[in-house]
């Protein structure tokens, strides 16, 4: 007889389906078509290396004689112009190639990795920038084409295409509902992420970081919220800049019995909404299969023992399974 799946496995499968659908939708944004959506050329290659280095290659249409080419980001009024290099292929066709570093204008004061030699850096305002390419002949006549999203080069791998940027900003390649290529840049909302979970003999030390928040908002305490009855316990945290450290003892989990209880972990901020403390942002496609933490035992001053299992929920937030061991064990 076939064994029915457990509720936990059913939930995990449901979350996997949702994540897969969300991953596909992340690359599609439904924006209204613009007047310059046609004619089009399809990019031979279009990618974002390290989440900021745009690599672009397009074949020059056969009916076009080009002496120069440029990639345009944005509308026709004041676009960002990225020069392209024309390269003759062995089959006689011509390609236009280019590389540029893209960063968020509002984050220009933040520290950024150095730009490779010979590559220009462009600062873009927050929003969605449509891509066009312009070919110019020797007489100065221009032919402009909208850029269609490049075909996928390889199937989904263990990591997502655009890696996470440590400064909290993002730069992604997306497509309109009609298939036109766009670059989307911006900054995510404030997030609390775990840097380390250290389990000792009598306490658990959490080290986390508040991301995408100004210095004056870097304060608050850690809150344990029991799902059964929604009972909460606030534990003080020590801050060093945007990094916070908190130590959890057996007493912080309250008067538990031997029945396992689940606690969600949040960062409680003054005059701000509480944030779920989540695993460190990563480009791993299925982090639930990679980041695992073991069961451990914590001992209190009265020699009572708490079995504890920190884990990440399917949406990535930190939680604890906890229960007291029966006396005499």
Foldseek 3Di string as FASTA:
>chain_A
DDDDDDPVVVVLVVLVVVLVVVLVCVQEDADDDDPQQDDAFEWQDWADPQQWKTKTKTWDDPVDAFPWKWKWWADPPDTDTFGWDWDQDPVRTIMTIGMETEDAPVCVVPDDDDDDPPHYYDHDHAFKIFIKMWGAHPVGDIDIHFYFYHDDPDDDDQFRRHKDDPQQKGWDWHAHPVRTIIIGIDGDDKAKEWPDWDDDQFKIKTKIFIHPDDQVFQAFWKKKFWPVVRDIATFHWDDDRRMIMTIGGPPRVPDFAQDKIKIFMWTDTPPDDIHFYFHDGTRGSQVQVPDAFDWDWHADPVRWIKIKGWHADSVGGIMIIIGTDPPPD
